[in-house]
């Protein structure tokens, strides 16, 4: 059975102060709604940025990259070979999701009127092309297993615009390995990731082409890209892989040693920028919780003043201080819940619509993406709401303590 304090708090919230839109209650609900809305939007947008930027950096590379230990002027020495013992070691490591050889070469693309220096990244059919397909602006992906697609390349929109070429066009290409070799390549697709550093410097091609140009076999390449199952554990996985390969080299299982790099170092500028966003979100969360708490405290103080005679009557009738405090705490919680509901509804509605229609746009040169990305994490939403309720409840102990200090005799005289 509900106590009388619950019915009194309900009566106050539904009295003329509620039905006639009491400024105190209205301001309190608005403050809580705006605060939780801004907090949810901040977290979802930063999560969206982190996902989009991480996917793009990993899309051009991988979480872990292996290179030959020593780089020389002789390209024949700068190779990684996937031997059977090497494959066996990689296949036994539980944190590795997949891996593939890459054979990259510097190249010059030349048209009748212009030329451009570029880096051709040769990949095979085992490469995850979802990153490229998700950013295609023209053309289609081709099966690199087919010999007819050996000279197909995928170029960025920026490169296509600079050289004034389109899908289906053929272009003269000059590769620099131990000597200069020329090939005529065909544009199979055009992509646009809005990552200028990568779009301006990389194109994708068939690994069979670059292996032939380098004189490599099908098991040899210039690097090995390794995708891990846990991005958050990339640093730990890198150390584990280094120790595993070092032991295999020392005991003679592997005949070569390798230099190991990971995405956190190759994409340090981008991840440093994302770390700053995390700091900004923490500041926003703290500020918004402070705003919500002070708004509720101010509203409760106004309601206490408005209902001070009612408080005096309750005390005269024998109501205890903790019971009167409980009335206003319950009222505050109800106001908070209404504000949280409105704020959650506004935030989630915006996030769903933005995720689908991308109506809020950005300058891709500044943000590496042309729209505001969002990622809804319902677990974070629940935790944030529960934390907000807890903090608000603790803060509301301040005005509730003030009620207990009011004297009934002084209240009756108050007009």
Protein backbone atom coordinates (compact mmCIF):
# COMPACT_ATOMS: atom_id res chain seq x y z
CA UNK A 1 0.00 0.00 0.00
CA UNK A 2 1.34 3.40 -0.97
CA UNK A 3 2.10 5.88 1.83
CA UNK A 4 0.34 9.22 2.15
CA UNK A 5 3.56 11.02 1.18
CA UNK A 6 3.26 9.53 -2.31
CA UNK A 7 -0.31 10.78 -2.66
CA UNK A 8 0.62 14.26 -1.43
CA UNK A 9 3.56 14.51 -3.85
CA UNK A 10 1.24 13.39 -6.64
CA UNK A 11 -1.33 15.96 -5.53
CA UNK A 12 1.25 18.73 -5.64
CA UNK A 13 2.50 17.72 -9.10
CA UNK A 14 -1.08 17.57 -10.44
CA UNK A 15 -2.39 20.65 -8.64
CA UNK A 16 -2.61 24.02 -10.26
CA UNK A 17 1.19 24.08 -10.21
CA UNK A 18 1.16 21.14 -12.65
CA UNK A 19 -1.96 21.62 -14.69
CA UNK A 20 -1.39 25.32 -15.13
CA UNK A 21 2.25 24.75 -16.01
CA UNK A 22 3.96 25.98 -12.86
CA UNK A 23 7.17 27.75 -13.98
CA UNK A 24 9.21 25.84 -11.39
CA UNK A 25 8.08 22.41 -12.52
CA UNK A 26 8.20 23.36 -16.20
CA UNK A 27 11.75 24.72 -15.92
CA UNK A 28 12.86 21.66 -13.96
CA UNK A 29 11.47 19.22 -16.53
CA UNK A 30 12.98 21.24 -19.39
CA UNK A 31 16.38 21.37 -17.68
CA UNK A 32 16.49 17.63 -17.08
CA UNK A 33 15.21 16.86 -20.60
CA UNK A 34 17.79 19.09 -22.30
CA UNK A 35 20.61 17.78 -20.12
CA UNK A 36 19.97 14.09 -20.78
CA UNK A 37 19.30 14.82 -24.46
CA UNK A 38 22.64 16.61 -24.89
CA UNK A 39 24.48 13.89 -22.96
CA UNK A 40 23.00 11.11 -25.10
CA UNK A 41 23.70 12.99 -28.33
CA UNK A 42 27.29 13.69 -27.27
CA UNK A 43 28.01 10.04 -26.48
CA UNK A 44 26.29 8.70 -29.61
CA UNK A 45 28.00 11.19 -31.94
CA UNK A 46 31.45 10.58 -30.48
CA UNK A 47 30.86 6.82 -30.70
CA UNK A 48 29.82 7.34 -34.31
CA UNK A 49 32.98 9.30 -35.08
CA UNK A 50 35.15 6.67 -33.42
CA UNK A 51 33.54 3.88 -35.42
CA UNK A 52 33.70 5.71 -38.77
CA UNK A 53 37.29 6.91 -38.35
CA UNK A 54 38.49 3.57 -37.01
CA UNK A 55 36.80 1.66 -39.84
CA UNK A 56 38.45 3.92 -42.41
CA UNK A 57 41.93 3.75 -40.93
CA UNK A 58 41.67 -0.04 -40.54
CA UNK A 59 40.11 -0.26 -44.01
CA UNK A 60 43.23 1.16 -45.61
CA UNK A 61 45.49 -0.91 -43.36
CA UNK A 62 44.76 -3.44 -40.63
CA UNK A 63 45.12 -3.63 -36.85
CA UNK A 64 48.60 -5.18 -37.09
CA UNK A 65 51.06 -5.00 -40.00
CA UNK A 66 54.20 -7.11 -40.48
CA UNK A 67 57.12 -5.85 -42.55
CA UNK A 68 60.55 -7.29 -43.35
CA UNK A 69 63.04 -6.46 -40.62
CA UNK A 70 65.40 -4.66 -42.94
CA UNK A 71 64.48 -2.47 -45.90
CA UNK A 72 67.11 -2.25 -48.63
CA UNK A 73 67.32 -0.72 -52.09
CA UNK A 74 66.97 -4.19 -53.56
CA UNK A 75 63.27 -5.02 -53.69
CA UNK A 76 64.02 -8.76 -53.76
CA UNK A 77 65.20 -8.45 -50.16
CA UNK A 78 62.12 -6.55 -49.01
CA UNK A 79 59.64 -9.39 -48.88
CA UNK A 80 57.57 -11.45 -46.52
CA UNK A 81 56.91 -15.07 -47.43
CA UNK A 82 53.96 -17.02 -46.08
CA UNK A 83 55.64 -20.35 -45.53
CA UNK A 84 53.77 -23.33 -44.09
CA UNK A 85 55.36 -22.95 -40.61
CA UNK A 86 54.46 -19.24 -40.68
CA UNK A 87 50.85 -20.05 -41.60
CA UNK A 88 50.67 -22.68 -38.86
CA UNK A 89 51.79 -20.19 -36.23
CA UNK A 90 49.31 -17.52 -37.30
CA UNK A 91 46.44 -20.03 -37.49
CA UNK A 92 46.97 -21.09 -33.87
CA UNK A 93 46.72 -17.54 -32.43
CA UNK A 94 43.21 -17.06 -31.03
CA UNK A 95 43.23 -13.25 -31.24
CA UNK A 96 43.79 -13.23 -35.02
CA UNK A 97 40.63 -13.01 -37.10
CA UNK A 98 42.19 -13.18 -40.56
CA UNK A 99 45.35 -12.16 -42.43
CA UNK A 100 46.41 -11.57 -46.03
CA UNK A 101 49.47 -10.71 -48.05
CA UNK A 102 49.87 -7.24 -49.53
CA UNK A 103 52.28 -6.31 -52.30
CA UNK A 104 52.59 -2.55 -52.72
CA UNK A 105 54.58 -0.50 -55.19
CA UNK A 106 55.11 3.20 -55.89
CA UNK A 107 53.76 4.16 -59.30
CA UNK A 108 53.16 7.06 -61.64
CA UNK A 109 49.79 7.33 -63.39
CA UNK A 110 50.03 9.29 -66.63
CA UNK A 111 47.39 10.66 -68.97
CA UNK A 112 47.91 12.77 -72.07
CA UNK A 113 47.72 15.98 -70.07
CA UNK A 114 48.71 15.13 -66.53
CA UNK A 115 50.43 12.64 -64.23
CA UNK A 116 50.28 11.69 -60.57
CA UNK A 117 52.52 9.82 -58.14
CA UNK A 118 50.65 7.15 -56.26
CA UNK A 119 51.07 4.03 -54.18
CA UNK A 120 49.44 0.91 -55.64
CA UNK A 121 48.32 -1.49 -52.93
CA UNK A 122 48.11 -4.97 -54.43
CA UNK A 123 45.59 -7.21 -52.67
CA UNK A 124 44.12 -10.62 -53.40
CA UNK A 125 40.66 -12.14 -53.34
CA UNK A 126 41.11 -12.86 -49.61
CA UNK A 127 41.09 -9.13 -48.93
CA UNK A 128 37.95 -7.74 -47.25
CA UNK A 129 36.56 -5.45 -49.95
CA UNK A 130 33.59 -4.29 -47.84
CA UNK A 131 35.46 -1.11 -46.96
CA UNK A 132 35.86 -0.20 -50.63
CA UNK A 133 32.33 -1.28 -51.58
CA UNK A 134 30.85 0.85 -48.77
CA UNK A 135 32.59 3.91 -50.23
CA UNK A 136 32.09 3.30 -53.95
CA UNK A 137 30.92 6.26 -56.03
CA UNK A 138 31.16 4.60 -59.46
CA UNK A 139 31.92 1.23 -61.02
CA UNK A 140 31.87 -2.17 -59.35
CA UNK A 141 34.21 -4.62 -57.66
CA UNK A 142 35.82 -7.33 -59.77
CA UNK A 143 36.92 -10.87 -59.00
CA UNK A 144 40.69 -10.73 -58.67
CA UNK A 145 40.89 -14.50 -59.10
CA UNK A 146 40.09 -14.10 -62.77
CA UNK A 147 43.12 -13.50 -64.97
CA UNK A 148 41.18 -10.97 -67.07
CA UNK A 149 41.02 -8.68 -64.03
CA UNK A 150 44.77 -8.63 -63.41
CA UNK A 151 45.14 -5.01 -64.58
CA UNK A 152 41.99 -3.66 -62.88
CA UNK A 153 42.53 -0.86 -60.37
CA UNK A 154 40.28 1.01 -57.93
CA UNK A 155 41.09 4.70 -57.61
CA UNK A 156 39.80 7.49 -55.37
CA UNK A 157 37.44 10.19 -56.55
CA UNK A 158 40.18 12.74 -55.89
CA UNK A 159 42.61 10.91 -58.19
CA UNK A 160 39.92 10.51 -60.85
CA UNK A 161 39.14 14.24 -60.74
CA UNK A 162 42.81 15.24 -60.89
CA UNK A 163 43.56 13.02 -63.89
CA UNK A 164 40.09 13.49 -65.46
CA UNK A 165 39.48 9.78 -65.86
CA UNK A 166 36.42 7.64 -65.21
CA UNK A 167 35.37 4.01 -64.83
CA UNK A 168 36.36 2.00 -67.90
CA UNK A 169 39.20 4.31 -68.91
CA UNK A 170 42.68 2.90 -69.41
CA UNK A 171 45.74 4.69 -68.13
CA UNK A 172 49.49 4.31 -68.58
CA UNK A 173 51.23 3.36 -65.35
CA UNK A 174 54.93 3.27 -64.58
CA UNK A 175 56.22 1.23 -61.65
CA UNK A 176 59.50 1.68 -59.88
CA UNK A 177 60.98 -1.56 -58.53
CA UNK A 178 64.50 -2.65 -59.43
CA UNK A 179 63.85 -0.92 -62.73
CA UNK A 180 61.02 1.04 -64.34
CA UNK A 181 58.22 -1.03 -65.84
CA UNK A 182 55.15 0.17 -67.71
CA UNK A 183 51.67 -1.28 -67.66
CA UNK A 184 48.33 -0.15 -69.05
CA UNK A 185 45.73 -0.37 -66.29
CA UNK A 186 41.95 -0.10 -66.43
CA UNK A 187 39.82 1.79 -63.89
CA UNK A 188 37.29 -0.69 -62.49
CA UNK A 189 35.81 1.41 -59.69
CA UNK A 190 36.05 4.80 -57.99
CA UNK A 191 35.76 5.27 -54.22
CA UNK A 192 35.60 8.26 -51.91
CA UNK A 193 36.42 7.80 -48.21
CA UNK A 194 36.92 11.53 -47.48
CA UNK A 195 40.28 10.59 -45.97
CA UNK A 196 42.39 12.97 -48.03
CA UNK A 197 45.71 11.60 -46.80
CA UNK A 198 44.76 8.14 -48.04
CA UNK A 199 42.55 9.05 -51.00
CA UNK A 200 45.30 11.24 -52.38
CA UNK A 201 48.05 8.64 -52.10
CA UNK A 202 46.59 5.14 -52.49
CA UNK A 203 44.91 3.07 -55.17
CA UNK A 204 44.00 -0.63 -55.01
CA UNK A 205 44.97 -3.27 -57.54
CA UNK A 206 45.40 -6.99 -58.07
CA UNK A 207 48.22 -8.52 -56.04
CA UNK A 208 49.08 -10.76 -59.00
CA UNK A 209 50.06 -7.65 -60.94
CA UNK A 210 52.35 -6.25 -58.25
CA UNK A 211 53.84 -9.67 -57.48
CA UNK A 212 54.75 -10.09 -61.15
CA UNK A 213 56.26 -6.60 -61.24
CA UNK A 214 58.38 -7.39 -58.18
CA UNK A 215 59.27 -10.90 -59.31
CA UNK A 216 57.54 -12.43 -56.28
CA UNK A 217 55.75 -15.76 -56.06
CA UNK A 218 52.12 -16.11 -54.95
CA UNK A 219 53.22 -16.60 -51.33
CA UNK A 220 55.40 -13.48 -51.21
CA UNK A 221 54.53 -9.84 -50.60
CA UNK A 222 55.84 -6.58 -49.23
CA UNK A 223 53.82 -6.80 -45.99
CA UNK A 224 51.31 -8.94 -44.13
CA UNK A 225 48.14 -7.35 -42.80
CA UNK A 226 46.61 -8.99 -39.72
CA UNK A 227 43.10 -8.26 -38.51
CA UNK A 228 42.47 -9.00 -34.85
CA UNK A 229 39.21 -9.88 -33.11
CA UNK A 230 39.55 -7.22 -30.40
CA UNK A 231 40.41 -3.71 -31.50
CA UNK A 232 40.64 -2.55 -27.87
CA UNK A 233 43.39 -5.11 -27.30
CA UNK A 234 45.51 -4.19 -30.32
CA UNK A 235 48.49 -3.07 -28.26
CA UNK A 236 48.44 -6.25 -26.16
CA UNK A 237 47.98 -8.44 -29.24
CA UNK A 238 50.92 -6.70 -30.93
CA UNK A 239 53.22 -7.53 -28.01
CA UNK A 240 51.95 -11.12 -27.94
CA UNK A 241 52.58 -11.56 -31.66
CA UNK A 242 56.04 -10.05 -31.35
CA UNK A 243 56.97 -12.50 -28.58
CA UNK A 244 55.52 -15.45 -30.50
CA UNK A 245 57.42 -14.64 -33.69
CA UNK A 246 60.62 -13.91 -31.78
CA UNK A 247 60.48 -17.33 -30.12
CA UNK A 248 59.80 -18.99 -33.48
CA UNK A 249 62.77 -17.20 -35.02
CA UNK A 250 65.09 -18.09 -32.14
CA UNK A 251 64.20 -21.79 -32.19
CA UNK A 252 64.59 -21.98 -35.99
CA UNK A 253 60.89 -22.48 -36.87
CA UNK A 254 60.99 -19.25 -38.88
CA UNK A 255 63.98 -18.31 -41.00
CA UNK A 256 63.23 -14.57 -41.09
CA UNK A 257 62.57 -11.88 -38.53
CA UNK A 258 59.92 -9.19 -38.89
CA UNK A 259 59.15 -5.62 -37.94
CA UNK A 260 55.71 -5.24 -36.35
CA UNK A 261 53.57 -2.13 -36.45
CA UNK A 262 49.97 -1.52 -35.42
CA UNK A 263 47.14 0.81 -36.29
CA UNK A 264 47.58 2.89 -33.14
CA UNK A 265 50.95 4.12 -34.38
CA UNK A 266 50.20 4.37 -38.11
CA UNK A 267 46.98 6.25 -37.37
CA UNK A 268 48.25 8.11 -34.31
CA UNK A 269 47.01 11.51 -35.52
CA UNK A 270 43.47 10.26 -36.02
CA UNK A 271 43.28 8.36 -32.75
CA UNK A 272 44.76 11.31 -30.89
CA UNK A 273 41.95 13.45 -32.29
CA UNK A 274 39.39 10.86 -31.15
CA UNK A 275 40.94 10.86 -27.66
CA UNK A 276 40.33 14.62 -27.48
CA UNK A 277 36.68 13.98 -28.35
CA UNK A 278 36.45 11.57 -25.42
CA UNK A 279 37.77 14.28 -23.12
CA UNK A 280 35.23 16.75 -24.48
CA UNK A 281 32.39 14.30 -23.85
CA UNK A 282 33.43 13.85 -20.22
CA UNK A 283 33.36 17.63 -19.77
CA UNK A 284 29.92 17.85 -21.41
CA UNK A 285 28.53 15.04 -19.21
CA UNK A 286 29.75 16.72 -16.03
CA UNK A 287 28.39 20.12 -17.06
CA UNK A 288 25.00 18.73 -18.08
CA UNK A 289 24.58 16.79 -14.84
CA UNK A 290 25.46 19.95 -12.90
CA UNK A 291 22.89 21.91 -14.92
CA UNK A 292 20.21 19.28 -14.28
CA UNK A 293 20.97 19.14 -10.56
CA UNK A 294 21.00 22.91 -10.05
CA UNK A 295 17.80 23.27 -12.08
CA UNK A 296 16.04 20.74 -9.87
CA UNK A 297 17.39 22.27 -6.67
CA UNK A 298 16.18 25.71 -7.75
CA UNK A 299 12.78 24.30 -8.70
CA UNK A 300 12.44 22.51 -5.38
CA UNK A 301 13.36 25.63 -3.45
CA UNK A 302 10.66 27.57 -5.31
CA UNK A 303 8.10 24.83 -4.65
CA UNK A 304 9.04 24.76 -0.97
CA UNK A 305 8.45 28.52 -0.76
CA UNK A 306 5.18 28.22 -2.65
CA UNK A 307 4.01 25.41 -0.36
CA UNK A 308 5.48 26.69 2.88
CA UNK A 309 2.09 27.13 4.57
CA UNK A 310 1.10 23.64 3.46
CA UNK A 311 4.31 22.35 5.06
CA UNK A 312 3.43 24.21 8.27
CA UNK A 313 -0.03 22.65 8.37
CA UNK A 314 1.42 19.16 7.88
CA UNK A 315 3.91 19.73 10.71
CA UNK A 316 1.15 21.05 12.95
CA UNK A 317 -0.87 17.91 12.23
CA UNK A 318 2.09 15.82 13.36
CA UNK A 319 3.94 15.06 10.14
CA UNK A 320 7.57 14.19 10.76
CA UNK A 321 10.45 16.01 9.07
CA UNK A 322 11.58 12.92 7.17
CA UNK A 323 8.03 12.40 5.87
CA UNK A 324 7.80 15.97 4.57
CA UNK A 325 11.28 15.63 3.04
CA UNK A 326 10.13 12.42 1.42
CA UNK A 327 7.22 14.27 -0.24
CA UNK A 328 9.52 16.66 -2.04
CA UNK A 329 12.08 13.97 -2.91
CA UNK A 330 9.32 11.89 -4.49
CA UNK A 331 8.06 14.94 -6.36
CA UNK A 332 11.58 15.64 -7.62
CA UNK A 333 12.03 12.06 -8.78
CA UNK A 334 8.74 12.26 -10.70
CA UNK A 335 9.84 15.49 -12.36
CA UNK A 336 13.21 13.91 -13.18
CA UNK A 337 11.61 10.83 -14.72
CA UNK A 338 9.35 12.98 -16.91
CA UNK A 339 12.36 15.03 -18.01
CA UNK A 340 14.41 11.90 -18.67
CA UNK A 341 11.61 10.40 -20.75
CA UNK A 342 11.27 13.53 -22.89
CA UNK A 343 15.05 13.90 -23.26
CA UNK A 344 15.52 10.25 -24.23
CA UNK A 345 12.67 10.44 -26.72
CA UNK A 346 14.12 13.55 -28.38
CA UNK A 347 17.68 12.19 -28.48
CA UNK A 348 16.84 8.71 -29.78
CA UNK A 349 14.46 10.14 -32.40
CA UNK A 350 17.17 12.47 -33.68
CA UNK A 351 19.81 9.73 -33.68
CA UNK A 352 17.63 7.27 -35.60
CA UNK A 353 16.68 9.88 -38.22
CA UNK A 354 20.28 11.14 -38.55
CA UNK A 355 21.60 7.61 -38.91
CA UNK A 356 19.12 6.93 -41.73
CA UNK A 357 18.93 10.24 -43.62
CA UNK A 358 22.24 12.04 -42.73
CA UNK A 359 20.47 15.43 -42.79
CA UNK A 360 23.12 17.10 -40.59
CA UNK A 361 26.20 17.43 -42.80
CA UNK A 362 29.86 18.21 -42.17
CA UNK A 363 32.86 19.50 -44.08
CA UNK A 364 34.72 16.26 -45.00
CA UNK A 365 38.06 18.07 -45.29
CA UNK A 366 37.86 18.98 -41.60
CA UNK A 367 36.08 15.93 -40.15
CA UNK A 368 36.99 13.10 -42.63
CA UNK A 369 33.28 12.42 -43.17
CA UNK A 370 30.48 14.37 -44.87
CA UNK A 371 27.75 13.82 -42.25
CA UNK A 372 27.41 13.63 -38.47
CA UNK A 373 27.83 9.92 -37.64
CA UNK A 374 25.88 8.35 -34.80
CA UNK A 375 26.04 5.03 -33.02
CA UNK A 376 23.32 4.14 -30.54
CA UNK A 377 24.47 1.97 -27.64
CA UNK A 378 21.41 1.10 -25.57
CA UNK A 379 23.52 -0.25 -22.71
CA UNK A 380 25.22 3.15 -22.39
CA UNK A 381 21.82 4.88 -22.53
CA UNK A 382 20.51 2.75 -19.65
CA UNK A 383 23.65 3.27 -17.55
CA UNK A 384 23.62 7.04 -18.16
CA UNK A 385 19.95 7.32 -17.17
CA UNK A 386 20.43 5.27 -14.01
CA UNK A 387 23.53 7.28 -13.06
CA UNK A 388 21.66 10.55 -13.64
CA UNK A 389 18.76 9.41 -11.43
CA UNK A 390 21.16 8.38 -8.66
CA UNK A 391 23.08 11.67 -8.77
CA UNK A 392 19.87 13.70 -8.83
CA UNK A 393 18.51 11.74 -5.86
CA UNK A 394 21.68 12.41 -3.84
CA UNK A 395 21.67 16.12 -4.72
CA UNK A 396 17.98 16.49 -3.80
CA UNK A 397 18.84 15.65 -0.22
CA UNK A 398 19.94 19.32 0.05
CA UNK A 399 16.49 20.98 -0.36
CA UNK A 400 14.83 18.14 1.52
CA UNK A 401 17.02 18.90 4.55
CA UNK A 402 15.94 22.53 4.43
CA UNK A 403 12.31 21.48 4.96
CA UNK A 404 13.22 19.76 8.22
CA UNK A 405 14.61 23.01 9.64
CA UNK A 406 11.38 24.98 9.14
CA UNK A 407 9.52 25.74 12.38
CA UNK A 408 5.71 25.24 12.34
CA UNK A 409 5.07 28.41 14.36
CA UNK A 410 7.14 30.51 11.96
CA UNK A 411 5.43 28.92 8.95
CA UNK A 412 1.91 29.76 10.19
CA UNK A 413 2.94 33.42 10.53
CA UNK A 414 4.39 33.41 6.99
CA UNK A 415 2.24 35.24 4.47
